[in-house]
Amino acid sequence: VRGRGWRVGCAGCPSAKALAAVETTISINGTQVASGAASLVPLGSPLASLTWLANHLPSRGERLRPGQTVITGACSKTKAFAVGDDIVACFGELGNVRLTFR
């Protein structure tokens, strides 16, 4: 599992427990419109969801590949946005994502 240059299990990286505890917020044009936690994803943590997927894929003749992006579930409800909106998603110690739609 990688993000912002870290991997779960490496020295100085978040533990699986810390990853599951990440709180999230989403703001549109400076107003917080949603919040949640990584523990709300399927199976209670992003790592548990990813582990299930990695173990399930071989039964379908598939596997995870190096560099492949995996989205393990939503940490909060989604909200509608419009062209020109500035959207910021904050993921605790993992960092932020900012998007402006034009």
N, C-alpha and C. Protein backbone atom coordinates (compact mmCIF):
# COMPACT_ATOMS: atom_id res chain seq x y z
N VAL A 1 0.87 -1.16 0.00
CA VAL A 1 0.00 0.00 0.00
C VAL A 1 0.91 1.22 0.00
N ARG A 2 0.70 2.10 -0.96
CA ARG A 2 1.58 3.27 -1.06
C ARG A 2 0.76 4.55 -1.15
N GLY A 3 1.33 5.60 -0.68
CA GLY A 3 0.73 6.91 -0.79
C GLY A 3 1.71 7.93 -0.27
N ARG A 4 1.89 9.02 -0.97
CA ARG A 4 2.83 10.07 -0.55
C ARG A 4 4.20 9.51 -0.23
N GLY A 5 4.63 8.49 -0.92
CA GLY A 5 5.96 7.97 -0.73
C GLY A 5 6.14 7.03 0.44
N TRP A 6 5.07 6.54 1.02
CA TRP A 6 5.20 5.59 2.12
C TRP A 6 4.53 4.27 1.77
N ARG A 7 4.90 3.26 2.53
CA ARG A 7 4.30 1.94 2.40
C ARG A 7 3.95 1.44 3.79
N VAL A 8 2.79 0.80 3.94
CA VAL A 8 2.42 0.24 5.23
C VAL A 8 3.47 -0.80 5.59
N GLY A 9 3.98 -0.73 6.80
CA GLY A 9 4.96 -1.69 7.27
C GLY A 9 6.40 -1.20 7.18
N CYS A 10 6.66 -0.08 6.51
CA CYS A 10 8.04 0.41 6.42
C CYS A 10 8.36 1.26 7.65
N ALA A 11 9.62 1.41 7.96
CA ALA A 11 10.04 2.22 9.10
C ALA A 11 9.56 3.65 8.93
N GLY A 12 8.93 4.20 9.97
CA GLY A 12 8.45 5.58 9.93
C GLY A 12 7.14 5.78 9.20
N CYS A 13 6.52 4.72 8.72
CA CYS A 13 5.25 4.80 8.00
C CYS A 13 4.09 4.48 8.95
N PRO A 14 2.89 4.94 8.60
CA PRO A 14 1.74 4.66 9.47
C PRO A 14 1.49 3.16 9.61
N SER A 15 1.10 2.75 10.79
CA SER A 15 0.73 1.35 11.01
C SER A 15 -0.64 1.10 10.40
N ALA A 16 -1.01 -0.15 10.25
CA ALA A 16 -2.34 -0.49 9.74
C ALA A 16 -3.42 0.12 10.64
N LYS A 17 -3.19 0.12 11.96
CA LYS A 17 -4.15 0.69 12.90
C LYS A 17 -4.26 2.20 12.70
N ALA A 18 -3.12 2.88 12.52
CA ALA A 18 -3.13 4.33 12.30
C ALA A 18 -3.80 4.66 10.97
N LEU A 19 -3.57 3.84 9.96
CA LEU A 19 -4.20 4.07 8.66
C LEU A 19 -5.71 3.97 8.77
N ALA A 20 -6.22 3.00 9.51
CA ALA A 20 -7.66 2.83 9.68
C ALA A 20 -8.27 3.98 10.48
N ALA A 21 -7.46 4.65 11.30
CA ALA A 21 -7.96 5.73 12.16
C ALA A 21 -7.96 7.10 11.48
N VAL A 22 -7.46 7.19 10.25
CA VAL A 22 -7.39 8.49 9.57
C VAL A 22 -8.79 9.09 9.42
N GLU A 23 -8.91 10.33 9.85
CA GLU A 23 -10.17 11.06 9.69
C GLU A 23 -10.07 11.91 8.43
N THR A 24 -11.19 12.06 7.74
CA THR A 24 -11.20 12.79 6.48
C THR A 24 -12.21 13.93 6.53
N THR A 25 -11.92 14.98 5.77
CA THR A 25 -12.88 16.05 5.56
C THR A 25 -12.84 16.44 4.09
N ILE A 26 -13.97 16.87 3.59
CA ILE A 26 -14.05 17.40 2.23
C ILE A 26 -14.66 18.79 2.30
N SER A 27 -13.99 19.75 1.66
CA SER A 27 -14.48 21.12 1.62
C SER A 27 -14.67 21.54 0.17
N ILE A 28 -15.71 22.29 -0.08
CA ILE A 28 -15.96 22.86 -1.39
C ILE A 28 -16.04 24.37 -1.20
N ASN A 29 -15.15 25.08 -1.90
CA ASN A 29 -15.07 26.54 -1.82
C ASN A 29 -14.94 27.02 -0.37
N GLY A 30 -14.13 26.29 0.42
CA GLY A 30 -13.83 26.70 1.78
C GLY A 30 -14.85 26.27 2.83
N THR A 31 -15.93 25.61 2.42
CA THR A 31 -16.95 25.16 3.35
C THR A 31 -16.88 23.64 3.49
N GLN A 32 -16.71 23.15 4.72
CA GLN A 32 -16.68 21.70 4.92
C GLN A 32 -18.06 21.13 4.62
N VAL A 33 -18.11 20.15 3.72
CA VAL A 33 -19.39 19.56 3.30
C VAL A 33 -19.52 18.09 3.67
N ALA A 34 -18.42 17.46 4.09
CA ALA A 34 -18.48 16.05 4.45
C ALA A 34 -17.29 15.71 5.35
N SER A 35 -17.48 14.68 6.15
CA SER A 35 -16.38 14.17 6.96
C SER A 35 -16.61 12.69 7.18
N GLY A 36 -15.57 12.01 7.59
CA GLY A 36 -15.69 10.58 7.83
C GLY A 36 -14.37 10.03 8.32
N ALA A 37 -14.25 8.73 8.25
CA ALA A 37 -13.04 8.06 8.73
C ALA A 37 -12.72 6.86 7.85
N ALA A 38 -11.44 6.54 7.76
CA ALA A 38 -11.02 5.40 6.96
C ALA A 38 -11.63 4.10 7.48
N SER A 39 -12.02 4.08 8.75
CA SER A 39 -12.63 2.87 9.32
C SER A 39 -14.02 2.59 8.72
N LEU A 40 -14.56 3.53 7.95
CA LEU A 40 -15.88 3.35 7.32
C LEU A 40 -15.82 2.58 6.00
N VAL A 41 -14.62 2.34 5.48
CA VAL A 41 -14.51 1.60 4.22
C VAL A 41 -14.91 0.14 4.47
N PRO A 42 -15.21 -0.59 3.40
CA PRO A 42 -15.59 -2.00 3.58
C PRO A 42 -14.55 -2.77 4.41
N LEU A 43 -15.00 -3.62 5.26
CA LEU A 43 -14.20 -4.47 6.15
C LEU A 43 -13.52 -3.69 7.27
N GLY A 44 -13.82 -2.40 7.42
CA GLY A 44 -13.36 -1.63 8.57
C GLY A 44 -12.00 -0.97 8.47
N SER A 45 -11.24 -1.24 7.42
CA SER A 45 -9.97 -0.54 7.24
C SER A 45 -9.52 -0.69 5.79
N PRO A 46 -8.82 0.31 5.27
CA PRO A 46 -8.32 0.21 3.90
C PRO A 46 -7.42 -1.00 3.70
N LEU A 47 -6.59 -1.31 4.69
CA LEU A 47 -5.67 -2.44 4.56
C LEU A 47 -6.42 -3.77 4.53
N ALA A 48 -7.47 -3.91 5.35
CA ALA A 48 -8.27 -5.14 5.33
C ALA A 48 -8.96 -5.32 3.98
N SER A 49 -9.47 -4.22 3.40
CA SER A 49 -10.11 -4.29 2.08
C SER A 49 -9.11 -4.68 1.01
N LEU A 50 -7.92 -4.08 1.07
CA LEU A 50 -6.89 -4.40 0.09
C LEU A 50 -6.42 -5.84 0.23
N THR A 51 -6.27 -6.32 1.46
CA THR A 51 -5.86 -7.70 1.70
C THR A 51 -6.89 -8.67 1.14
N TRP A 52 -8.18 -8.38 1.37
CA TRP A 52 -9.24 -9.24 0.82
C TRP A 52 -9.14 -9.28 -0.70
N LEU A 53 -8.97 -8.11 -1.33
CA LEU A 53 -8.88 -8.06 -2.79
C LEU A 53 -7.69 -8.88 -3.30
N ALA A 54 -6.53 -8.68 -2.67
CA ALA A 54 -5.32 -9.41 -3.10
C ALA A 54 -5.51 -10.91 -2.96
N ASN A 55 -6.21 -11.36 -1.94
CA ASN A 55 -6.44 -12.79 -1.75
C ASN A 55 -7.55 -13.34 -2.65
N HIS A 56 -8.49 -12.49 -3.04
CA HIS A 56 -9.62 -12.92 -3.87
C HIS A 56 -9.28 -12.98 -5.36
N LEU A 57 -8.48 -12.06 -5.85
CA LEU A 57 -8.20 -11.99 -7.28
C LEU A 57 -7.67 -13.29 -7.89
N PRO A 58 -6.77 -14.03 -7.23
CA PRO A 58 -6.27 -15.27 -7.84
C PRO A 58 -7.39 -16.28 -8.15
N SER A 59 -8.47 -16.26 -7.38
CA SER A 59 -9.58 -17.19 -7.66
C SER A 59 -10.27 -16.84 -8.98
N ARG A 60 -10.00 -15.65 -9.49
CA ARG A 60 -10.57 -15.21 -10.77
C ARG A 60 -9.50 -15.13 -11.85
N GLY A 61 -8.32 -15.68 -11.55
CA GLY A 61 -7.24 -15.67 -12.53
C GLY A 61 -6.56 -14.32 -12.67
N GLU A 62 -6.71 -13.45 -11.70
CA GLU A 62 -6.14 -12.10 -11.73
C GLU A 62 -5.19 -11.92 -10.56
N ARG A 63 -4.48 -10.80 -10.55
CA ARG A 63 -3.62 -10.46 -9.43
C ARG A 63 -3.40 -8.95 -9.43
N LEU A 64 -2.98 -8.42 -8.30
CA LEU A 64 -2.56 -7.03 -8.25
C LEU A 64 -1.20 -6.91 -8.92
N ARG A 65 -1.01 -5.84 -9.65
CA ARG A 65 0.25 -5.64 -10.36
C ARG A 65 1.00 -4.45 -9.76
N PRO A 66 2.34 -4.49 -9.80
CA PRO A 66 3.13 -3.36 -9.27
C PRO A 66 2.70 -2.05 -9.92
N GLY A 67 2.55 -1.02 -9.10
CA GLY A 67 2.18 0.30 -9.61
C GLY A 67 0.69 0.50 -9.83
N GLN A 68 -0.08 -0.55 -9.68
CA GLN A 68 -1.53 -0.47 -9.90
C GLN A 68 -2.17 0.35 -8.78
N THR A 69 -3.11 1.22 -9.14
CA THR A 69 -3.85 2.01 -8.16
C THR A 69 -5.08 1.25 -7.73
N VAL A 70 -5.30 1.18 -6.41
CA VAL A 70 -6.47 0.49 -5.87
C VAL A 70 -7.19 1.47 -4.94
N ILE A 71 -8.48 1.65 -5.16
CA ILE A 71 -9.30 2.47 -4.27
C ILE A 71 -10.09 1.51 -3.40
N THR A 72 -9.88 1.60 -2.08
CA THR A 72 -10.45 0.61 -1.17
C THR A 72 -11.82 0.97 -0.63
N GLY A 73 -12.33 2.14 -0.96
CA GLY A 73 -13.66 2.53 -0.52
C GLY A 73 -13.69 4.00 -0.13
N ALA A 74 -14.87 4.54 0.01
CA ALA A 74 -15.04 5.95 0.35
C ALA A 74 -14.97 6.17 1.85
N CYS A 75 -14.30 7.21 2.26
CA CYS A 75 -14.18 7.56 3.68
C CYS A 75 -15.29 8.50 4.13
N SER A 76 -16.02 9.06 3.19
CA SER A 76 -17.12 9.97 3.52
C SER A 76 -18.13 9.96 2.39
N LYS A 77 -19.25 10.59 2.63
CA LYS A 77 -20.24 10.72 1.57
C LYS A 77 -19.70 11.64 0.49
N THR A 78 -20.20 11.47 -0.72
CA THR A 78 -19.80 12.34 -1.81
C THR A 78 -20.77 13.51 -1.91
N LYS A 79 -20.32 14.57 -2.51
CA LYS A 79 -21.14 15.77 -2.67
C LYS A 79 -21.03 16.24 -4.12
N ALA A 80 -22.09 16.86 -4.60
CA ALA A 80 -22.08 17.43 -5.95
C ALA A 80 -21.17 18.66 -5.99
N PHE A 81 -20.58 18.91 -7.14
CA PHE A 81 -19.76 20.10 -7.33
C PHE A 81 -20.06 20.66 -8.71
N ALA A 82 -19.59 21.87 -8.94
CA ALA A 82 -19.84 22.54 -10.21
C ALA A 82 -18.53 23.04 -10.81
N VAL A 83 -18.57 23.36 -12.08
CA VAL A 83 -17.40 23.93 -12.74
C VAL A 83 -16.97 25.17 -11.97
N GLY A 84 -15.68 25.29 -11.70
CA GLY A 84 -15.13 26.42 -10.96
C GLY A 84 -14.99 26.17 -9.48
N ASP A 85 -15.60 25.11 -8.95
CA ASP A 85 -15.48 24.81 -7.52
C ASP A 85 -14.06 24.39 -7.17
N ASP A 86 -13.63 24.81 -5.99
CA ASP A 86 -12.34 24.43 -5.43
C ASP A 86 -12.62 23.38 -4.36
N ILE A 87 -12.12 22.18 -4.55
CA ILE A 87 -12.42 21.06 -3.66
C ILE A 87 -11.13 20.62 -2.97
N VAL A 88 -11.19 20.49 -1.64
CA VAL A 88 -10.04 20.03 -0.86
C VAL A 88 -10.48 18.83 -0.03
N ALA A 89 -9.77 17.73 -0.17
CA ALA A 89 -9.99 16.54 0.64
C ALA A 89 -8.77 16.39 1.55
N CYS A 90 -9.01 16.37 2.86
CA CYS A 90 -7.94 16.25 3.85
C CYS A 90 -7.97 14.84 4.45
N PHE A 91 -6.81 14.20 4.47
CA PHE A 91 -6.69 12.83 4.96
C PHE A 91 -5.71 12.76 6.12
N GLY A 92 -5.89 13.61 7.12
CA GLY A 92 -5.04 13.59 8.31
C GLY A 92 -3.57 13.65 7.96
N GLU A 93 -2.76 12.82 8.62
CA GLU A 93 -1.31 12.82 8.41
C GLU A 93 -0.90 12.40 7.01
N LEU A 94 -1.82 11.84 6.24
CA LEU A 94 -1.49 11.40 4.88
C LEU A 94 -1.42 12.57 3.91
N GLY A 95 -2.05 13.69 4.25
CA GLY A 95 -1.98 14.86 3.40
C GLY A 95 -3.32 15.25 2.80
N ASN A 96 -3.28 16.19 1.88
CA ASN A 96 -4.47 16.75 1.26
C ASN A 96 -4.43 16.58 -0.25
N VAL A 97 -5.61 16.61 -0.85
CA VAL A 97 -5.75 16.63 -2.30
C VAL A 97 -6.61 17.84 -2.62
N ARG A 98 -6.16 18.67 -3.57
CA ARG A 98 -6.92 19.86 -3.96
C ARG A 98 -7.19 19.80 -5.46
N LEU A 99 -8.45 20.04 -5.82
CA LEU A 99 -8.86 20.04 -7.22
C LEU A 99 -9.68 21.28 -7.51
N THR A 100 -9.49 21.85 -8.68
CA THR A 100 -10.35 22.92 -9.15
C THR A 100 -10.85 22.50 -10.52
N PHE A 101 -12.16 22.44 -10.67
CA PHE A 101 -12.75 22.01 -11.93
C PHE A 101 -13.00 23.23 -12.81
N ARG A 102 -12.52 23.15 -14.05
CA ARG A 102 -12.67 24.27 -15.01
C ARG A 102 -13.47 23.81 -16.21
